[in-house]
PDB file of N, CA and C in Angstrom:
ATOM      1  N   MET A   1       0.829  -1.176  -0.005  1.00  0.00           N
ATOM      2  CA  MET A   1       0.006  -0.008   0.006  1.00  0.00           C
ATOM      3  C   MET A   1       0.875   1.212   0.000  1.00  0.00           C
ATOM      4  N   LYS A   2       0.436   2.214  -0.689  1.00  0.00           N
ATOM      5  CA  LYS A   2       1.134   3.477  -0.747  1.00  0.00           C
ATOM      6  C   LYS A   2       0.384   4.482   0.147  1.00  0.00           C
ATOM      7  N   PHE A   3       1.137   5.120   1.037  1.00  0.00           N
ATOM      8  CA  PHE A   3       0.483   6.097   1.904  1.00  0.00           C
ATOM      9  C   PHE A   3       0.205   7.355   1.127  1.00  0.00           C
ATOM     10  N   GLU A   4      -1.022   7.883   1.311  1.00  0.00           N
ATOM     11  CA  GLU A   4      -1.440   9.105   0.601  1.00  0.00           C
ATOM     12  C   GLU A   4      -1.102  10.375   1.388  1.00  0.00           C
ATOM     13  N   ALA A   5      -0.955  10.279   2.706  1.00  0.00           N
ATOM     14  CA  ALA A   5      -0.734  11.453   3.553  1.00  0.00           C
ATOM     15  C   ALA A   5       0.759  11.848   3.546  1.00  0.00           C
ATOM     16  N   ALA A   6       0.988  13.131   3.731  1.00  0.00           N
ATOM     17  CA  ALA A   6       2.353  13.622   3.831  1.00  0.00           C
ATOM     18  C   ALA A   6       2.897  13.467   5.253  1.00  0.00           C
ATOM     19  N   ASP A   7       2.005  13.331   6.222  1.00  0.00           N
ATOM     20  CA  ASP A   7       2.389  13.160   7.630  1.00  0.00           C
ATOM     21  C   ASP A   7       1.788  11.885   8.205  1.00  0.00           C
ATOM     22  N   ILE A   8       2.579  11.225   8.997  1.00  0.00           N
ATOM     23  CA  ILE A   8       2.073  10.073   9.778  1.00  0.00           C
ATOM     24  C   ILE A   8       2.595  10.284  11.195  1.00  0.00           C
ATOM     25  N   THR A   9       1.675  10.619  12.092  1.00  0.00           N
ATOM     26  CA  THR A   9       2.015  10.913  13.497  1.00  0.00           C
ATOM     27  C   THR A   9       1.051  10.185  14.381  1.00  0.00           C
ATOM     28  N   PHE A  10       1.160  10.409  15.678  1.00  0.00           N
ATOM     29  CA  PHE A  10       0.302   9.815  16.682  1.00  0.00           C
ATOM     30  C   PHE A  10      -1.158  10.069  16.376  1.00  0.00           C
ATOM     31  N   VAL A  11      -1.464  11.223  15.880  1.00  0.00           N
ATOM     32  CA  VAL A  11      -2.878  11.569  15.556  1.00  0.00           C
ATOM     33  C   VAL A  11      -3.430  10.638  14.474  1.00  0.00           C
ATOM     34  N   ASP A  12      -2.605  10.125  13.627  1.00  0.00           N
ATOM     35  CA  ASP A  12      -3.015   9.282  12.480  1.00  0.00           C
ATOM     36  C   ASP A  12      -2.961   7.771  12.777  1.00  0.00           C
ATOM     37  N   ALA A  13      -2.442   7.418  13.942  1.00  0.00           N
ATOM     38  CA  ALA A  13      -2.113   6.018  14.237  1.00  0.00           C
ATOM     39  C   ALA A  13      -3.259   5.056  13.992  1.00  0.00           C
ATOM     40  N   THR A  14      -4.396   5.342  14.584  1.00  0.00           N
ATOM     41  CA  THR A  14      -5.527   4.389  14.472  1.00  0.00           C
ATOM     42  C   THR A  14      -5.966   4.201  13.019  1.00  0.00           C
ATOM     43  N   ARG A  15      -6.095   5.298  12.304  1.00  0.00           N
ATOM     44  CA  ARG A  15      -6.509   5.264  10.905  1.00  0.00           C
ATOM     45  C   ARG A  15      -5.499   4.493  10.056  1.00  0.00           C
ATOM     46  N   VAL A  16      -4.237   4.798  10.234  1.00  0.00           N
ATOM     47  CA  VAL A  16      -3.185   4.146   9.418  1.00  0.00           C
ATOM     48  C   VAL A  16      -3.089   2.660   9.778  1.00  0.00           C
ATOM     49  N   LYS A  17      -3.218   2.318  11.043  1.00  0.00           N
ATOM     50  CA  LYS A  17      -3.188   0.912  11.425  1.00  0.00           C
ATOM     51  C   LYS A  17      -4.280   0.132  10.736  1.00  0.00           C
ATOM     52  N   LYS A  18      -5.477   0.707  10.654  1.00  0.00           N
ATOM     53  CA  LYS A  18      -6.597   0.048   9.985  1.00  0.00           C
ATOM     54  C   LYS A  18      -6.317  -0.118   8.511  1.00  0.00           C
ATOM     55  N   GLN A  19      -5.715   0.910   7.886  1.00  0.00           N
ATOM     56  CA  GLN A  19      -5.359   0.830   6.463  1.00  0.00           C
ATOM     57  C   GLN A  19      -4.346  -0.302   6.240  1.00  0.00           C
ATOM     58  N   ILE A  20      -3.352  -0.359   7.120  1.00  0.00           N
ATOM     59  CA  ILE A  20      -2.330  -1.406   7.004  1.00  0.00           C
ATOM     60  C   ILE A  20      -2.963  -2.800   7.140  1.00  0.00           C
ATOM     61  N   ASP A  21      -3.838  -2.960   8.130  1.00  0.00           N
ATOM     62  CA  ASP A  21      -4.496  -4.246   8.367  1.00  0.00           C
ATOM     63  C   ASP A  21      -5.353  -4.656   7.163  1.00  0.00           C
ATOM     64  N   ARG A  22      -6.064  -3.700   6.555  1.00  0.00           N
ATOM     65  CA  ARG A  22      -6.868  -4.018   5.376  1.00  0.00           C
ATOM     66  C   ARG A  22      -5.963  -4.411   4.185  1.00  0.00           C
ATOM     67  N   ALA A  23      -4.865  -3.684   4.006  1.00  0.00           N
ATOM     68  CA  ALA A  23      -3.964  -4.010   2.882  1.00  0.00           C
ATOM     69  C   ALA A  23      -3.366  -5.393   3.090  1.00  0.00           C
ATOM     70  N   LEU A  24      -2.904  -5.697   4.282  1.00  0.00           N
ATOM     71  CA  LEU A  24      -2.303  -7.020   4.534  1.00  0.00           C
ATOM     72  C   LEU A  24      -3.325  -8.136   4.416  1.00  0.00           C
ATOM     73  N   ALA A  25      -4.544  -7.900   4.857  1.00  0.00           N
ATOM     74  CA  ALA A  25      -5.588  -8.892   4.716  1.00  0.00           C
ATOM     75  C   ALA A  25      -5.873  -9.187   3.240  1.00  0.00           C
ATOM     76  N   GLY A  26      -5.663  -8.207   2.380  1.00  0.00           N
ATOM     77  CA  GLY A  26      -5.834  -8.391   0.925  1.00  0.00           C
ATOM     78  C   GLY A  26      -4.589  -8.891   0.248  1.00  0.00           C
ATOM     79  N   GLY A  27      -3.538  -9.186   1.013  1.00  0.00           N
ATOM     80  CA  GLY A  27      -2.299  -9.753   0.445  1.00  0.00           C
ATOM     81  C   GLY A  27      -1.269  -8.716   0.035  1.00  0.00           C
ATOM     82  N   ASP A  28      -1.540  -7.436   0.259  1.00  0.00           N
ATOM     83  CA  ASP A  28      -0.570  -6.359  -0.060  1.00  0.00           C
ATOM     84  C   ASP A  28       0.359  -6.192   1.092  1.00  0.00           C
ATOM     85  N   ALA A  29       1.588  -6.681   0.971  1.00  0.00           N
ATOM     86  CA  ALA A  29       2.566  -6.605   2.050  1.00  0.00           C
ATOM     87  C   ALA A  29       3.662  -5.559   1.771  1.00  0.00           C
ATOM     88  N   VAL A  30       3.308  -4.562   0.973  1.00  0.00           N
ATOM     89  CA  VAL A  30       4.260  -3.476   0.697  1.00  0.00           C
ATOM     90  C   VAL A  30       3.789  -2.216   1.412  1.00  0.00           C
ATOM     91  N   LEU A  31       4.681  -1.612   2.168  1.00  0.00           N
ATOM     92  CA  LEU A  31       4.418  -0.298   2.754  1.00  0.00           C
ATOM     93  C   LEU A  31       5.320   0.690   2.038  1.00  0.00           C
ATOM     94  N   ASP A  32       4.714   1.509   1.198  1.00  0.00           N
ATOM     95  CA  ASP A  32       5.451   2.474   0.398  1.00  0.00           C
ATOM     96  C   ASP A  32       5.245   3.879   0.969  1.00  0.00           C
ATOM     97  N   PHE A  33       6.321   4.454   1.501  1.00  0.00           N
ATOM     98  CA  PHE A  33       6.270   5.747   2.168  1.00  0.00           C
ATOM     99  C   PHE A  33       6.630   6.890   1.238  1.00  0.00           C
ATOM    100  N   GLU A  34       6.690   6.664  -0.070  1.00  0.00           N
ATOM    101  CA  GLU A  34       7.024   7.741  -0.977  1.00  0.00           C
ATOM    102  C   GLU A  34       6.014   8.888  -0.769  1.00  0.00           C
ATOM    103  N   GLY A  35       6.539  10.084  -0.624  1.00  0.00           N
ATOM    104  CA  GLY A  35       5.694  11.252  -0.447  1.00  0.00           C
ATOM    105  C   GLY A  35       5.373  11.571   1.013  1.00  0.00           C
ATOM    106  N   VAL A  36       5.708  10.668   1.916  1.00  0.00           N
ATOM    107  CA  VAL A  36       5.509  10.957   3.341  1.00  0.00           C
ATOM    108  C   VAL A  36       6.701  11.820   3.782  1.00  0.00           C
ATOM    109  N   GLU A  37       6.389  12.981   4.315  1.00  0.00           N
ATOM    110  CA  GLU A  37       7.449  13.935   4.666  1.00  0.00           C
ATOM    111  C   GLU A  37       7.692  14.072   6.145  1.00  0.00           C
ATOM    112  N   HIS A  38       6.728  13.806   6.956  1.00  0.00           N
ATOM    113  CA  HIS A  38       6.919  13.999   8.405  1.00  0.00           C
ATOM    114  C   HIS A  38       6.352  12.799   9.161  1.00  0.00           C
ATOM    115  N   VAL A  39       7.177  12.255  10.062  1.00  0.00           N
ATOM    116  CA  VAL A  39       6.746  11.124  10.885  1.00  0.00           C
ATOM    117  C   VAL A  39       7.210  11.374  12.325  1.00  0.00           C
ATOM    118  N   ASP A  40       6.578  10.675  13.234  1.00  0.00           N
ATOM    119  CA  ASP A  40       7.136  10.631  14.607  1.00  0.00           C
ATOM    120  C   ASP A  40       7.314   9.157  14.949  1.00  0.00           C
ATOM    121  N   SER A  41       7.587   8.890  16.207  1.00  0.00           N
ATOM    122  CA  SER A  41       7.874   7.513  16.600  1.00  0.00           C
ATOM    123  C   SER A  41       6.725   6.542  16.321  1.00  0.00           C
ATOM    124  N   THR A  42       5.538   7.065  16.057  1.00  0.00           N
ATOM    125  CA  THR A  42       4.405   6.232  15.701  1.00  0.00           C
ATOM    126  C   THR A  42       4.708   5.350  14.530  1.00  0.00           C
ATOM    127  N   VAL A  43       5.469   5.863  13.566  1.00  0.00           N
ATOM    128  CA  VAL A  43       5.759   5.092  12.357  1.00  0.00           C
ATOM    129  C   VAL A  43       6.540   3.836  12.663  1.00  0.00           C
ATOM    130  N   VAL A  44       7.402   3.873  13.620  1.00  0.00           N
ATOM    131  CA  VAL A  44       8.154   2.675  14.024  1.00  0.00           C
ATOM    132  C   VAL A  44       7.203   1.621  14.592  1.00  0.00           C
ATOM    133  N   ALA A  45       6.280   2.071  15.458  1.00  0.00           N
ATOM    134  CA  ALA A  45       5.290   1.140  16.016  1.00  0.00           C
ATOM    135  C   ALA A  45       4.409   0.581  14.930  1.00  0.00           C
ATOM    136  N   LEU A  46       4.013   1.393  13.955  1.00  0.00           N
ATOM    137  CA  LEU A  46       3.164   0.892  12.862  1.00  0.00           C
ATOM    138  C   LEU A  46       3.867  -0.122  12.019  1.00  0.00           C
ATOM    139  N   VAL A  47       5.162   0.100  11.735  1.00  0.00           N
ATOM    140  CA  VAL A  47       5.901  -0.879  10.919  1.00  0.00           C
ATOM    141  C   VAL A  47       6.108  -2.172  11.695  1.00  0.00           C
ATOM    142  N   LEU A  48       6.387  -2.087  12.981  1.00  0.00           N
ATOM    143  CA  LEU A  48       6.488  -3.282  13.823  1.00  0.00           C
ATOM    144  C   LEU A  48       5.172  -4.052  13.806  1.00  0.00           C
ATOM    145  N   HIS A  49       4.063  -3.340  13.975  1.00  0.00           N
ATOM    146  CA  HIS A  49       2.756  -3.979  13.901  1.00  0.00           C
ATOM    147  C   HIS A  49       2.529  -4.658  12.566  1.00  0.00           C
ATOM    148  N   ALA A  50       2.895  -3.957  11.468  1.00  0.00           N
ATOM    149  CA  ALA A  50       2.728  -4.516  10.140  1.00  0.00           C
ATOM    150  C   ALA A  50       3.588  -5.769   9.959  1.00  0.00           C
ATOM    151  N   ARG A  51       4.798  -5.771  10.499  1.00  0.00           N
ATOM    152  CA  ARG A  51       5.659  -6.945  10.368  1.00  0.00           C
ATOM    153  C   ARG A  51       5.054  -8.129  11.064  1.00  0.00           C
ATOM    154  N   ARG A  52       4.553  -7.901  12.280  1.00  0.00           N
ATOM    155  CA  ARG A  52       3.943  -9.023  13.040  1.00  0.00           C
ATOM    156  C   ARG A  52       2.698  -9.531  12.295  1.00  0.00           C
ATOM    157  N   ARG A  53       1.858  -8.614  11.858  1.00  0.00           N
ATOM    158  CA  ARG A  53       0.627  -8.976  11.158  1.00  0.00           C
ATOM    159  C   ARG A  53       0.920  -9.706   9.849  1.00  0.00           C
ATOM    160  N   ALA A  54       1.868  -9.204   9.106  1.00  0.00           N
ATOM    161  CA  ALA A  54       2.267  -9.832   7.860  1.00  0.00           C
ATOM    162  C   ALA A  54       2.747 -11.247   8.117  1.00  0.00           C
ATOM    163  N   SER A  55       3.593 -11.399   9.116  1.00  0.00           N
ATOM    164  CA  SER A  55       4.123 -12.712   9.433  1.00  0.00           C
ATOM    165  C   SER A  55       2.994 -13.692   9.801  1.00  0.00           C
ATOM    166  N   SER A  56       2.043 -13.218  10.579  1.00  0.00           N
ATOM    167  CA  SER A  56       0.909 -14.066  10.967  1.00  0.00           C
ATOM    168  C   SER A  56       0.090 -14.517   9.775  1.00  0.00           C
ATOM    169  N   LEU A  57       0.156 -13.734   8.719  1.00  0.00           N
ATOM    170  CA  LEU A  57      -0.597 -14.053   7.488  1.00  0.00           C
ATOM    171  C   LEU A  57       0.255 -14.834   6.463  1.00  0.00           C
ATOM    172  N   GLY A  58       1.503 -15.089   6.849  1.00  0.00           N
ATOM    173  CA  GLY A  58       2.413 -15.811   5.936  1.00  0.00           C
ATOM    174  C   GLY A  58       2.993 -14.901   4.862  1.00  0.00           C
ATOM    175  N   LEU A  59       3.022 -13.606   5.116  1.00  0.00           N
ATOM    176  CA  LEU A  59       3.576 -12.631   4.165  1.00  0.00           C
ATOM    177  C   LEU A  59       4.884 -12.065   4.677  1.00  0.00           C
ATOM    178  N   VAL A  60       5.684 -11.577   3.774  1.00  0.00           N
ATOM    179  CA  VAL A  60       6.957 -10.906   4.134  1.00  0.00           C
ATOM    180  C   VAL A  60       6.746  -9.412   3.824  1.00  0.00           C
ATOM    181  N   LEU A  61       6.864  -8.609   4.841  1.00  0.00           N
ATOM    182  CA  LEU A  61       6.666  -7.164   4.691  1.00  0.00           C
ATOM    183  C   LEU A  61       7.831  -6.536   3.905  1.00  0.00           C
ATOM    184  N   ASP A  62       7.474  -5.674   2.985  1.00  0.00           N
ATOM    185  CA  ASP A  62       8.435  -4.963   2.190  1.00  0.00           C
ATOM    186  C   ASP A  62       8.199  -3.475   2.428  1.00  0.00           C
ATOM    187  N   VAL A  63       9.198  -2.811   3.105  1.00  0.00           N
ATOM    188  CA  VAL A  63       9.089  -1.375   3.386  1.00  0.00           C
ATOM    189  C   VAL A  63       9.914  -0.636   2.373  1.00  0.00           C
ATOM    190  N   ARG A  64       9.252   0.286   1.670  1.00  0.00           N
ATOM    191  CA  ARG A  64       9.924   1.029   0.610  1.00  0.00           C
ATOM    192  C   ARG A  64       9.883   2.535   0.882  1.00  0.00           C
ATOM    193  N   ASN A  65      10.900   3.217   0.407  1.00  0.00           N
ATOM    194  CA  ASN A  65      10.957   4.668   0.523  1.00  0.00           C
ATOM    195  C   ASN A  65      10.748   5.131   1.973  1.00  0.00           C
ATOM    196  N   GLU A  66      11.558   4.551   2.853  1.00  0.00           N
ATOM    197  CA  GLU A  66      11.449   4.945   4.284  1.00  0.00           C
ATOM    198  C   GLU A  66      11.408   6.442   4.431  1.00  0.00           C
ATOM    199  N   PRO A  67      10.540   6.918   5.272  1.00  0.00           N
ATOM    200  CA  PRO A  67      10.466   8.395   5.461  1.00  0.00           C
ATOM    201  C   PRO A  67      11.699   8.942   6.155  1.00  0.00           C
ATOM    202  N   ALA A  68      11.977  10.223   5.892  1.00  0.00           N
ATOM    203  CA  ALA A  68      13.098  10.854   6.548  1.00  0.00           C
ATOM    204  C   ALA A  68      12.946  10.734   8.055  1.00  0.00           C
ATOM    205  N   GLY A  69      13.995  10.393   8.706  1.00  0.00           N
ATOM    206  CA  GLY A  69      13.993  10.274  10.158  1.00  0.00           C
ATOM    207  C   GLY A  69      13.671   8.865  10.643  1.00  0.00           C
ATOM    208  N   PHE A  70      13.199   8.021   9.772  1.00  0.00           N
ATOM    209  CA  PHE A  70      12.814   6.653  10.213  1.00  0.00           C
ATOM    210  C   PHE A  70      13.989   5.874  10.809  1.00  0.00           C
ATOM    211  N   ARG A  71      15.122   5.921  10.101  1.00  0.00           N
ATOM    212  CA  ARG A  71      16.305   5.178  10.575  1.00  0.00           C
ATOM    213  C   ARG A  71      16.825   5.754  11.905  1.00  0.00           C
ATOM    214  N   GLU A  72      16.707   7.063  12.032  1.00  0.00           N
ATOM    215  CA  GLU A  72      17.144   7.684  13.303  1.00  0.00           C
ATOM    216  C   GLU A  72      16.275   7.205  14.480  1.00  0.00           C
ATOM    217  N   LEU A  73      14.992   7.123  14.236  1.00  0.00           N
ATOM    218  CA  LEU A  73      14.071   6.657  15.262  1.00  0.00           C
ATOM    219  C   LEU A  73      14.331   5.168  15.589  1.00  0.00           C
ATOM    220  N   VAL A  74      14.595   4.384  14.558  1.00  0.00           N
ATOM    221  CA  VAL A  74      14.926   2.942  14.776  1.00  0.00           C
ATOM    222  C   VAL A  74      16.161   2.886  15.670  1.00  0.00           C
ATOM    223  N   HIS A  75      17.156   3.724  15.382  1.00  0.00           N
ATOM    224  CA  HIS A  75      18.405   3.690  16.184  1.00  0.00           C
ATOM    225  C   HIS A  75      18.114   4.134  17.619  1.00  0.00           C
ATOM    226  N   VAL A  76      17.330   5.187  17.832  1.00  0.00           N
ATOM    227  CA  VAL A  76      17.015   5.673  19.164  1.00  0.00           C
ATOM    228  C   VAL A  76      16.339   4.550  19.991  1.00  0.00           C
ATOM    229  N   TYR A  77      15.498   3.738  19.370  1.00  0.00           N
ATOM    230  CA  TYR A  77      14.846   2.672  20.084  1.00  0.00           C
ATOM    231  C   TYR A  77      15.644   1.372  20.146  1.00  0.00           C
ATOM    232  N   GLY A  78      16.860   1.387  19.637  1.00  0.00           N
ATOM    233  CA  GLY A  78      17.721   0.209  19.704  1.00  0.00           C
ATOM    234  C   GLY A  78      17.260  -0.912  18.821  1.00  0.00           C
ATOM    235  N   LEU A  79      16.625  -0.598  17.709  1.00  0.00           N
ATOM    236  CA  LEU A  79      16.064  -1.615  16.838  1.00  0.00           C
ATOM    237  C   LEU A  79      16.848  -1.779  15.524  1.00  0.00           C
ATOM    238  N   ASP A  80      18.100  -1.275  15.505  1.00  0.00           N
ATOM    239  CA  ASP A  80      18.912  -1.321  14.304  1.00  0.00           C
ATOM    240  C   ASP A  80      19.011  -2.734  13.719  1.00  0.00           C
ATOM    241  N   GLU A  81      19.294  -3.666  14.561  1.00  0.00           N
ATOM    242  CA  GLU A  81      19.463  -5.025  14.110  1.00  0.00           C
ATOM    243  C   GLU A  81      18.178  -5.605  13.511  1.00  0.00           C
ATOM    244  N   MET A  82      17.073  -5.311  14.188  1.00  0.00           N
ATOM    245  CA  MET A  82      15.780  -5.796  13.721  1.00  0.00           C
ATOM    246  C   MET A  82      15.436  -5.238  12.357  1.00  0.00           C
ATOM    247  N   PHE A  83      15.838  -3.993  12.090  1.00  0.00           N
ATOM    248  CA  PHE A  83      15.497  -3.354  10.823  1.00  0.00           C
ATOM    249  C   PHE A  83      16.666  -3.385   9.829  1.00  0.00           C
ATOM    250  N   ALA A  84      17.690  -4.169  10.112  1.00  0.00           N
ATOM    251  CA  ALA A  84      18.832  -4.234   9.185  1.00  0.00           C
ATOM    252  C   ALA A  84      18.398  -4.862   7.892  1.00  0.00           C
ATOM    253  N   THR A  85      18.930  -4.359   6.796  1.00  0.00           N
ATOM    254  CA  THR A  85      18.601  -4.906   5.471  1.00  0.00           C
ATOM    255  C   THR A  85      19.357  -6.164   5.348  1.00  0.00           C
ATOM    256  N   PRO A  86      18.631  -7.302   5.041  1.00  0.00           N
ATOM    257  CA  PRO A  86      19.344  -8.583   4.842  1.00  0.00           C
ATOM    258  C   PRO A  86      20.299  -8.523   3.682  1.00  0.00           C
ATOM    259  N   ARG A  87      21.423  -9.149   3.829  1.00  0.00           N
ATOM    260  CA  ARG A  87      22.383  -9.237   2.743  1.00  0.00           C
ATOM    261  C   ARG A  87      22.259 -10.516   1.992  1.00  0.00           C
ATOM    262  N   ALA A  88      22.453 -10.432   0.686  1.00  0.00           N
ATOM    263  CA  ALA A  88      22.320 -11.627  -0.147  1.00  0.00           C
ATOM    264  C   ALA A  88      23.485 -12.540   0.012  1.00  0.00           C
TER     265      ALA A  88
END
């Protein structure tokens, strides 16, 4: 799914989580953040939720075009290893 909003913050969490759940239930395991300009720590929680949900559905989550600041937030929360890009 491609996010339509330029911002994803705490205010948007419930709505975005429902969108993610609907997309995953339909077999869409892509989270495309192209065009998303502003995020807060909510985005890390939403991606973690999406990973768990995708896994429970037998899907592999594909996160594309990570929003600015996402990697910094991942680092702040000590999740670098969890979000490391697998090497071939």
